[in-house]
């Protein structure tokens, strides 16, 4: 599933690996590997900037790609160093699934994915900054606009009658056919990651559960599995069964809610 010149570190969910074990390849090889694996049936599930190993470190910024091989039930991990120019050839030109990840890299880490088709803000858009008094220019969010006869636009949110994160959604429609949908996030900046780090160990699970109301079980399970993996601990079978049942109930609840909304 991978080209001959390099390979990610293939592992499975719930296993801990050292950062140094993850292959570190040139950025051009990094891009080619991601594209090739996805073209053969894989998925890019995450593309993020890794934190420096120490506060005093002057090492180059690293990127981490997480690639899923669903057929094989495994995930591939791959690293690269961002060049001194803090730019690299965008993955989004070949992998649409990378577009939001790369917008976040540009917004939060000043890493420029050159060639990105539309590098607009992901969360910190100027109209929100203007309303909050942070000096934003107040320019409207650059929503994609479909034009032509019979086209109409439907706006939903950002306040929803549900437990999801606030978000403004624009539908571009012709009759009942949705031609384009776009979500504008960034209405909530609660600092959940920082709160998780400074909370007591006993409270961190509560913080994880509270990240999103529609995924309380999912986030709590992800946090618990991360801690258990690092501690080399395996939970009993009855606990694994209870987790599976709770996860399925949450998944079914979300699907039924969406179907009811439709």
C-alpha atoms as a PDB file:
ATOM      1  CA  UNK A   1       0.000   0.000   0.000  1.00  0.00           C
ATOM      2  CA  UNK A   2       3.042   2.302   0.128  1.00  0.00           C
ATOM      3  CA  UNK A   3       5.693   3.332  -2.403  1.00  0.00           C
ATOM      4  CA  UNK A   4       9.046   1.555  -2.248  1.00  0.00           C
ATOM      5  CA  UNK A   5      11.156   4.589  -1.335  1.00  0.00           C
ATOM      6  CA  UNK A   6       9.706   5.017   2.168  1.00  0.00           C
ATOM      7  CA  UNK A   7       6.979   3.808   4.461  1.00  0.00           C
ATOM      8  CA  UNK A   8       5.059   5.167   7.430  1.00  0.00           C
ATOM      9  CA  UNK A   9       5.192   3.441  10.790  1.00  0.00           C
ATOM     10  CA  UNK A  10       2.177   1.157  10.646  1.00  0.00           C
ATOM     11  CA  UNK A  11       0.542   0.500  13.996  1.00  0.00           C
ATOM     12  CA  UNK A  12      -2.901   0.003  15.503  1.00  0.00           C
ATOM     13  CA  UNK A  13      -5.221   2.134  17.551  1.00  0.00           C
ATOM     14  CA  UNK A  14      -4.556   1.866  21.281  1.00  0.00           C
ATOM     15  CA  UNK A  15      -0.814   1.226  20.961  1.00  0.00           C
ATOM     16  CA  UNK A  16       1.834   3.711  22.137  1.00  0.00           C
ATOM     17  CA  UNK A  17       4.850   4.511  19.959  1.00  0.00           C
ATOM     18  CA  UNK A  18       7.820   6.776  20.643  1.00  0.00           C
ATOM     19  CA  UNK A  19       8.016   9.931  18.575  1.00  0.00           C
ATOM     20  CA  UNK A  20      11.510   8.954  17.460  1.00  0.00           C
ATOM     21  CA  UNK A  21      10.136   5.706  15.995  1.00  0.00           C
ATOM     22  CA  UNK A  22       7.981   7.599  13.497  1.00  0.00           C
ATOM     23  CA  UNK A  23       9.795   7.931  10.138  1.00  0.00           C
ATOM     24  CA  UNK A  24      11.048  11.459   9.432  1.00  0.00           C
ATOM     25  CA  UNK A  25      11.147  12.083   5.676  1.00  0.00           C
ATOM     26  CA  UNK A  26      11.740  15.151   3.446  1.00  0.00           C
ATOM     27  CA  UNK A  27       8.637  17.215   2.893  1.00  0.00           C
ATOM     28  CA  UNK A  28       8.363  16.253  -0.798  1.00  0.00           C
ATOM     29  CA  UNK A  29       8.427  12.536   0.107  1.00  0.00           C
ATOM     30  CA  UNK A  30       5.967  13.237   2.926  1.00  0.00           C
ATOM     31  CA  UNK A  31       3.508  14.760   0.474  1.00  0.00           C
ATOM     32  CA  UNK A  32       3.939  11.983  -2.099  1.00  0.00           C
ATOM     33  CA  UNK A  33       3.470   9.246   0.504  1.00  0.00           C
ATOM     34  CA  UNK A  34       0.257  10.780   1.818  1.00  0.00           C
ATOM     35  CA  UNK A  35      -1.169  11.186  -1.686  1.00  0.00           C
ATOM     36  CA  UNK A  36      -0.141   7.703  -2.835  1.00  0.00           C
ATOM     37  CA  UNK A  37      -1.556   5.948   0.235  1.00  0.00           C
ATOM     38  CA  UNK A  38      -4.866   7.801  -0.069  1.00  0.00           C
ATOM     39  CA  UNK A  39      -5.066   7.093  -3.806  1.00  0.00           C
ATOM     40  CA  UNK A  40      -4.839   3.382  -2.981  1.00  0.00           C
ATOM     41  CA  UNK A  41      -7.748   3.421  -0.533  1.00  0.00           C
ATOM     42  CA  UNK A  42      -6.252   4.991   2.584  1.00  0.00           C
ATOM     43  CA  UNK A  43      -7.510   8.076   4.417  1.00  0.00           C
ATOM     44  CA  UNK A  44      -5.757  11.102   5.867  1.00  0.00           C
ATOM     45  CA  UNK A  45      -7.301  11.282   9.343  1.00  0.00           C
ATOM     46  CA  UNK A  46      -5.044  13.964  10.846  1.00  0.00           C
ATOM     47  CA  UNK A  47      -2.374  16.458   9.805  1.00  0.00           C
ATOM     48  CA  UNK A  48      -1.025  18.521  12.686  1.00  0.00           C
ATOM     49  CA  UNK A  49       1.988  20.412  14.006  1.00  0.00           C
ATOM     50  CA  UNK A  50       3.934  18.613  16.719  1.00  0.00           C
ATOM     51  CA  UNK A  51       5.003  20.603  19.795  1.00  0.00           C
ATOM     52  CA  UNK A  52       8.705  21.188  20.380  1.00  0.00           C
ATOM     53  CA  UNK A  53      10.361  18.577  22.579  1.00  0.00           C
ATOM     54  CA  UNK A  54      11.454  21.270  25.058  1.00  0.00           C
ATOM     55  CA  UNK A  55      10.674  24.924  25.700  1.00  0.00           C
ATOM     56  CA  UNK A  56      14.237  25.975  24.933  1.00  0.00           C
ATOM     57  CA  UNK A  57      14.421  23.979  21.734  1.00  0.00           C
ATOM     58  CA  UNK A  58      15.207  25.744  18.462  1.00  0.00           C
ATOM     59  CA  UNK A  59      14.409  22.700  16.347  1.00  0.00           C
ATOM     60  CA  UNK A  60      12.382  23.072  13.184  1.00  0.00           C
ATOM     61  CA  UNK A  61       8.627  22.672  13.334  1.00  0.00           C
ATOM     62  CA  UNK A  62       7.498  19.114  12.673  1.00  0.00           C
ATOM     63  CA  UNK A  63       4.318  17.925  10.977  1.00  0.00           C
ATOM     64  CA  UNK A  64       2.619  14.625  11.751  1.00  0.00           C
ATOM     65  CA  UNK A  65       0.323  12.793   9.339  1.00  0.00           C
ATOM     66  CA  UNK A  66      -1.983  10.002  10.508  1.00  0.00           C
ATOM     67  CA  UNK A  67      -3.160   7.743   7.682  1.00  0.00           C
ATOM     68  CA  UNK A  68      -5.841   5.085   8.098  1.00  0.00           C
ATOM     69  CA  UNK A  69      -5.813   1.752   6.275  1.00  0.00           C
ATOM     70  CA  UNK A  70      -9.375   0.636   6.964  1.00  0.00           C
ATOM     71  CA  UNK A  71      -9.056  -2.654   5.102  1.00  0.00           C
ATOM     72  CA  UNK A  72      -6.052  -3.634   7.210  1.00  0.00           C
ATOM     73  CA  UNK A  73      -7.371  -2.148  10.472  1.00  0.00           C
ATOM     74  CA  UNK A  74      -4.221  -0.118  11.013  1.00  0.00           C
ATOM     75  CA  UNK A  75      -2.940   3.461  11.058  1.00  0.00           C
ATOM     76  CA  UNK A  76       0.251   4.863   9.538  1.00  0.00           C
ATOM     77  CA  UNK A  77       2.320   7.612  11.187  1.00  0.00           C
ATOM     78  CA  UNK A  78       4.702   9.864   9.268  1.00  0.00           C
ATOM     79  CA  UNK A  79       6.728  12.982  10.176  1.00  0.00           C
ATOM     80  CA  UNK A  80       8.432  15.766   8.285  1.00  0.00           C
ATOM     81  CA  UNK A  81      10.223  18.989   9.181  1.00  0.00           C
ATOM     82  CA  UNK A  82       8.838  22.269   7.890  1.00  0.00           C
ATOM     83  CA  UNK A  83      11.478  24.111   5.784  1.00  0.00           C
ATOM     84  CA  UNK A  84      12.986  27.384   7.013  1.00  0.00           C
ATOM     85  CA  UNK A  85      10.596  29.239   4.711  1.00  0.00           C
ATOM     86  CA  UNK A  86       7.727  27.827   6.844  1.00  0.00           C
ATOM     87  CA  UNK A  87       6.036  26.698   3.651  1.00  0.00           C
ATOM     88  CA  UNK A  88       5.572  23.440   1.784  1.00  0.00           C
ATOM     89  CA  UNK A  89       3.607  22.213  -1.266  1.00  0.00           C
ATOM     90  CA  UNK A  90      -0.020  21.843  -0.154  1.00  0.00           C
ATOM     91  CA  UNK A  91      -1.557  18.392   0.069  1.00  0.00           C
ATOM     92  CA  UNK A  92      -5.002  19.893  -0.592  1.00  0.00           C
ATOM     93  CA  UNK A  93      -4.335  20.243  -4.318  1.00  0.00           C
ATOM     94  CA  UNK A  94      -4.495  16.430  -4.520  1.00  0.00           C
ATOM     95  CA  UNK A  95      -6.269  15.522  -1.258  1.00  0.00           C
ATOM     96  CA  UNK A  96      -9.406  17.576  -0.526  1.00  0.00           C
ATOM     97  CA  UNK A  97      -9.536  15.919   2.905  1.00  0.00           C
ATOM     98  CA  UNK A  98      -6.431  17.913   3.897  1.00  0.00           C
ATOM     99  CA  UNK A  99      -7.958  21.356   3.265  1.00  0.00           C
ATOM    100  CA  UNK A 100      -9.189  22.068   6.819  1.00  0.00           C
ATOM    101  CA  UNK A 101      -6.037  20.669   8.435  1.00  0.00           C
ATOM    102  CA  UNK A 102      -3.882  22.953   6.294  1.00  0.00           C
ATOM    103  CA  UNK A 103      -6.055  25.990   7.012  1.00  0.00           C
ATOM    104  CA  UNK A 104      -5.504  25.281  10.719  1.00  0.00           C
ATOM    105  CA  UNK A 105      -1.723  24.971  10.224  1.00  0.00           C
ATOM    106  CA  UNK A 106      -1.702  28.342   8.502  1.00  0.00           C
ATOM    107  CA  UNK A 107      -3.979  29.995  11.065  1.00  0.00           C
ATOM    108  CA  UNK A 108      -2.439  28.658  14.283  1.00  0.00           C
ATOM    109  CA  UNK A 109       1.206  27.995  13.346  1.00  0.00           C
ATOM    110  CA  UNK A 110       1.947  30.340  10.420  1.00  0.00           C
ATOM    111  CA  UNK A 111       2.852  27.368   8.202  1.00  0.00           C
ATOM    112  CA  UNK A 112       1.945  28.136   4.596  1.00  0.00           C
ATOM    113  CA  UNK A 113       0.658  25.272   2.413  1.00  0.00           C
ATOM    114  CA  UNK A 114       1.574  26.692  -0.994  1.00  0.00           C
ATOM    115  CA  UNK A 115      -1.098  26.069  -3.604  1.00  0.00           C
ATOM    116  CA  UNK A 116      -3.969  25.571  -1.175  1.00  0.00           C
ATOM    117  CA  UNK A 117      -7.115  26.305  -3.235  1.00  0.00           C
ATOM    118  CA  UNK A 118      -8.763  28.606  -0.688  1.00  0.00           C
ATOM    119  CA  UNK A 119      -6.729  29.467   2.411  1.00  0.00           C
ATOM    120  CA  UNK A 120      -9.491  31.289   4.257  1.00  0.00           C
ATOM    121  CA  UNK A 121      -9.830  31.374   8.071  1.00  0.00           C
ATOM    122  CA  UNK A 122     -10.982  28.208   9.781  1.00  0.00           C
ATOM    123  CA  UNK A 123     -11.948  29.526  13.222  1.00  0.00           C
ATOM    124  CA  UNK A 124     -10.611  33.049  13.753  1.00  0.00           C
ATOM    125  CA  UNK A 125     -12.458  34.984  11.099  1.00  0.00           C
ATOM    126  CA  UNK A 126     -12.409  38.773  11.039  1.00  0.00           C
ATOM    127  CA  UNK A 127     -16.131  39.408  11.510  1.00  0.00           C
ATOM    128  CA  UNK A 128     -16.051  37.649  14.893  1.00  0.00           C
ATOM    129  CA  UNK A 129     -12.956  39.607  15.956  1.00  0.00           C
ATOM    130  CA  UNK A 130     -14.680  42.874  15.035  1.00  0.00           C
ATOM    131  CA  UNK A 131     -17.734  42.032  17.126  1.00  0.00           C
ATOM    132  CA  UNK A 132     -15.578  41.011  20.110  1.00  0.00           C
ATOM    133  CA  UNK A 133     -13.586  44.265  19.982  1.00  0.00           C
ATOM    134  CA  UNK A 134     -10.296  42.623  19.016  1.00  0.00           C
ATOM    135  CA  UNK A 135      -9.644  44.951  16.108  1.00  0.00           C
ATOM    136  CA  UNK A 136     -10.901  42.800  13.274  1.00  0.00           C
ATOM    137  CA  UNK A 137     -11.655  44.462   9.988  1.00  0.00           C
ATOM    138  CA  UNK A 138     -15.256  43.307  10.057  1.00  0.00           C
ATOM    139  CA  UNK A 139     -15.131  41.817   6.549  1.00  0.00           C
ATOM    140  CA  UNK A 140     -17.745  39.105   6.029  1.00  0.00           C
ATOM    141  CA  UNK A 141     -16.641  35.490   5.976  1.00  0.00           C
ATOM    142  CA  UNK A 142     -15.853  34.502   2.353  1.00  0.00           C
ATOM    143  CA  UNK A 143     -18.571  31.880   1.916  1.00  0.00           C
ATOM    144  CA  UNK A 144     -18.555  30.021  -1.372  1.00  0.00           C
ATOM    145  CA  UNK A 145     -21.420  31.259  -3.519  1.00  0.00           C
ATOM    146  CA  UNK A 146     -23.211  29.222  -6.173  1.00  0.00           C
ATOM    147  CA  UNK A 147     -24.771  31.396  -8.862  1.00  0.00           C
ATOM    148  CA  UNK A 148     -27.330  30.637 -11.544  1.00  0.00           C
ATOM    149  CA  UNK A 149     -31.068  30.455 -12.213  1.00  0.00           C
ATOM    150  CA  UNK A 150     -33.136  28.861  -9.461  1.00  0.00           C
ATOM    151  CA  UNK A 151     -30.343  28.963  -6.866  1.00  0.00           C
ATOM    152  CA  UNK A 152     -31.336  29.894  -3.331  1.00  0.00           C
ATOM    153  CA  UNK A 153     -29.368  30.082  -0.081  1.00  0.00           C
ATOM    154  CA  UNK A 154     -30.420  28.694   3.310  1.00  0.00           C
ATOM    155  CA  UNK A 155     -28.647  29.909   6.469  1.00  0.00           C
ATOM    156  CA  UNK A 156     -28.731  27.950   9.759  1.00  0.00           C
ATOM    157  CA  UNK A 157     -27.218  28.869  13.135  1.00  0.00           C
ATOM    158  CA  UNK A 158     -24.895  29.690  14.768  1.00  0.00           C
ATOM    159  CA  UNK A 159     -27.348  29.031  17.634  1.00  0.00           C
ATOM    160  CA  UNK A 160     -28.803  25.513  17.356  1.00  0.00           C
ATOM    161  CA  UNK A 161     -31.585  23.751  19.204  1.00  0.00           C
ATOM    162  CA  UNK A 162     -29.241  20.879  20.010  1.00  0.00           C
ATOM    163  CA  UNK A 163     -26.052  20.034  21.897  1.00  0.00           C
ATOM    164  CA  UNK A 164     -23.581  20.616  19.072  1.00  0.00           C
ATOM    165  CA  UNK A 165     -20.964  23.359  18.939  1.00  0.00           C
ATOM    166  CA  UNK A 166     -22.204  26.754  17.663  1.00  0.00           C
ATOM    167  CA  UNK A 167     -21.627  27.013  13.938  1.00  0.00           C
ATOM    168  CA  UNK A 168     -23.129  28.965  11.070  1.00  0.00           C
ATOM    169  CA  UNK A 169     -24.085  26.772   8.109  1.00  0.00           C
ATOM    170  CA  UNK A 170     -24.819  27.948   4.561  1.00  0.00           C
ATOM    171  CA  UNK A 171     -26.622  25.720   2.064  1.00  0.00           C
ATOM    172  CA  UNK A 172     -26.554  26.570  -1.643  1.00  0.00           C
ATOM    173  CA  UNK A 173     -29.551  24.827  -3.172  1.00  0.00           C
ATOM    174  CA  UNK A 174     -31.529  24.344  -6.349  1.00  0.00           C
ATOM    175  CA  UNK A 175     -34.951  23.156  -5.279  1.00  0.00           C
ATOM    176  CA  UNK A 176     -34.321  20.361  -2.780  1.00  0.00           C
ATOM    177  CA  UNK A 177     -30.887  19.549  -4.200  1.00  0.00           C
ATOM    178  CA  UNK A 178     -28.018  20.802  -2.001  1.00  0.00           C
ATOM    179  CA  UNK A 179     -25.213  21.871  -4.332  1.00  0.00           C
ATOM    180  CA  UNK A 180     -22.839  23.106  -1.636  1.00  0.00           C
ATOM    181  CA  UNK A 181     -22.665  23.225   2.151  1.00  0.00           C
ATOM    182  CA  UNK A 182     -20.201  25.229   4.203  1.00  0.00           C
ATOM    183  CA  UNK A 183     -19.791  25.516   7.984  1.00  0.00           C
ATOM    184  CA  UNK A 184     -18.301  28.552   9.721  1.00  0.00           C
ATOM    185  CA  UNK A 185     -16.923  27.601  13.132  1.00  0.00           C
ATOM    186  CA  UNK A 186     -15.047  29.650  15.722  1.00  0.00           C
ATOM    187  CA  UNK A 187     -17.926  31.002  17.774  1.00  0.00           C
ATOM    188  CA  UNK A 188     -16.582  29.300  20.881  1.00  0.00           C
ATOM    189  CA  UNK A 189     -13.019  29.388  22.202  1.00  0.00           C
ATOM    190  CA  UNK A 190     -13.173  27.706  25.606  1.00  0.00           C
ATOM    191  CA  UNK A 191      -9.512  26.717  25.940  1.00  0.00           C
ATOM    192  CA  UNK A 192     -10.363  23.055  26.520  1.00  0.00           C
ATOM    193  CA  UNK A 193      -6.836  21.848  25.705  1.00  0.00           C
ATOM    194  CA  UNK A 194      -5.196  24.230  28.181  1.00  0.00           C
ATOM    195  CA  UNK A 195      -7.837  23.379  30.806  1.00  0.00           C
ATOM    196  CA  UNK A 196      -7.154  19.687  30.318  1.00  0.00           C
ATOM    197  CA  UNK A 197      -3.432  20.211  30.919  1.00  0.00           C
ATOM    198  CA  UNK A 198      -3.809  22.278  34.096  1.00  0.00           C
ATOM    199  CA  UNK A 199      -6.650  20.278  35.665  1.00  0.00           C
ATOM    200  CA  UNK A 200      -6.105  17.660  38.340  1.00  0.00           C
ATOM    201  CA  UNK A 201      -5.894  14.053  37.107  1.00  0.00           C
ATOM    202  CA  UNK A 202      -9.303  13.280  38.580  1.00  0.00           C
ATOM    203  CA  UNK A 203     -10.970  16.151  36.722  1.00  0.00           C
ATOM    204  CA  UNK A 204      -9.452  15.608  33.279  1.00  0.00           C
ATOM    205  CA  UNK A 205     -11.994  12.951  32.338  1.00  0.00           C
ATOM    206  CA  UNK A 206     -14.816  15.413  33.105  1.00  0.00           C
ATOM    207  CA  UNK A 207     -13.142  18.017  30.864  1.00  0.00           C
ATOM    208  CA  UNK A 208     -12.844  15.464  28.046  1.00  0.00           C
ATOM    209  CA  UNK A 209     -16.528  14.527  28.404  1.00  0.00           C
ATOM    210  CA  UNK A 210     -17.502  18.204  28.147  1.00  0.00           C
ATOM    211  CA  UNK A 211     -15.683  19.018  24.886  1.00  0.00           C
ATOM    212  CA  UNK A 212     -18.789  18.329  22.785  1.00  0.00           C
ATOM    213  CA  UNK A 213     -22.233  17.370  24.017  1.00  0.00           C
ATOM    214  CA  UNK A 214     -22.907  14.969  21.157  1.00  0.00           C
ATOM    215  CA  UNK A 215     -19.634  13.055  21.689  1.00  0.00           C
ATOM    216  CA  UNK A 216     -19.301  12.773  25.472  1.00  0.00           C
ATOM    217  CA  UNK A 217     -18.749   9.014  25.327  1.00  0.00           C
ATOM    218  CA  UNK A 218     -16.391   9.239  22.354  1.00  0.00           C
ATOM    219  CA  UNK A 219     -14.128  11.887  23.876  1.00  0.00           C
ATOM    220  CA  UNK A 220     -14.135  10.241  27.311  1.00  0.00           C
ATOM    221  CA  UNK A 221     -13.212   6.926  25.707  1.00  0.00           C
ATOM    222  CA  UNK A 222     -10.438   8.502  23.612  1.00  0.00           C
ATOM    223  CA  UNK A 223      -8.943  10.170  26.710  1.00  0.00           C
ATOM    224  CA  UNK A 224      -9.179   6.980  28.769  1.00  0.00           C
ATOM    225  CA  UNK A 225      -7.594   4.870  26.026  1.00  0.00           C
ATOM    226  CA  UNK A 226      -4.707   7.339  25.688  1.00  0.00           C
ATOM    227  CA  UNK A 227      -3.966   7.212  29.430  1.00  0.00           C
ATOM    228  CA  UNK A 228      -4.338   3.417  29.563  1.00  0.00           C
ATOM    229  CA  UNK A 229      -2.043   2.972  26.570  1.00  0.00           C
ATOM    230  CA  UNK A 230       0.688   5.152  28.067  1.00  0.00           C
ATOM    231  CA  UNK A 231       0.328   3.299  31.377  1.00  0.00           C
ATOM    232  CA  UNK A 232       0.374  -0.123  29.649  1.00  0.00           C
ATOM    233  CA  UNK A 233      -2.962  -0.972  31.280  1.00  0.00           C
ATOM    234  CA  UNK A 234      -5.714  -3.132  29.799  1.00  0.00           C
ATOM    235  CA  UNK A 235      -9.251  -2.754  31.108  1.00  0.00           C
ATOM    236  CA  UNK A 236     -11.348  -5.853  31.929  1.00  0.00           C
ATOM    237  CA  UNK A 237     -13.556  -7.408  29.265  1.00  0.00           C
ATOM    238  CA  UNK A 238     -16.771  -6.310  30.996  1.00  0.00           C
ATOM    239  CA  UNK A 239     -15.553  -2.691  30.892  1.00  0.00           C
ATOM    240  CA  UNK A 240     -14.676  -3.027  27.214  1.00  0.00           C
ATOM    241  CA  UNK A 241     -18.178  -4.379  26.546  1.00  0.00           C
ATOM    242  CA  UNK A 242     -19.797  -1.503  28.459  1.00  0.00           C
ATOM    243  CA  UNK A 243     -17.722   0.999  26.499  1.00  0.00           C
ATOM    244  CA  UNK A 244     -18.748  -0.592  23.215  1.00  0.00           C
ATOM    245  CA  UNK A 245     -22.438  -0.476  24.131  1.00  0.00           C
ATOM    246  CA  UNK A 246     -22.193   3.162  25.258  1.00  0.00           C
ATOM    247  CA  UNK A 247     -20.369   4.144  22.064  1.00  0.00           C
ATOM    248  CA  UNK A 248     -22.996   2.458  19.877  1.00  0.00           C
ATOM    249  CA  UNK A 249     -25.849   4.100  21.782  1.00  0.00           C
ATOM    250  CA  UNK A 250     -24.225   7.506  21.291  1.00  0.00           C
ATOM    251  CA  UNK A 251     -23.660   6.826  17.582  1.00  0.00           C
ATOM    252  CA  UNK A 252     -27.258   5.678  17.097  1.00  0.00           C
ATOM    253  CA  UNK A 253     -28.562   8.704  19.006  1.00  0.00           C
ATOM    254  CA  UNK A 254     -26.660  11.073  16.727  1.00  0.00           C
ATOM    255  CA  UNK A 255     -27.838   9.312  13.557  1.00  0.00           C
ATOM    256  CA  UNK A 256     -31.469   9.260  14.696  1.00  0.00           C
ATOM    257  CA  UNK A 257     -31.274  12.938  15.632  1.00  0.00           C
ATOM    258  CA  UNK A 258     -29.913  13.842  12.202  1.00  0.00           C
ATOM    259  CA  UNK A 259     -32.562  11.768  10.444  1.00  0.00           C
ATOM    260  CA  UNK A 260     -35.281  13.460  12.512  1.00  0.00           C
ATOM    261  CA  UNK A 261     -33.881  16.842  11.526  1.00  0.00           C
ATOM    262  CA  UNK A 262     -33.980  15.894   7.869  1.00  0.00           C
END
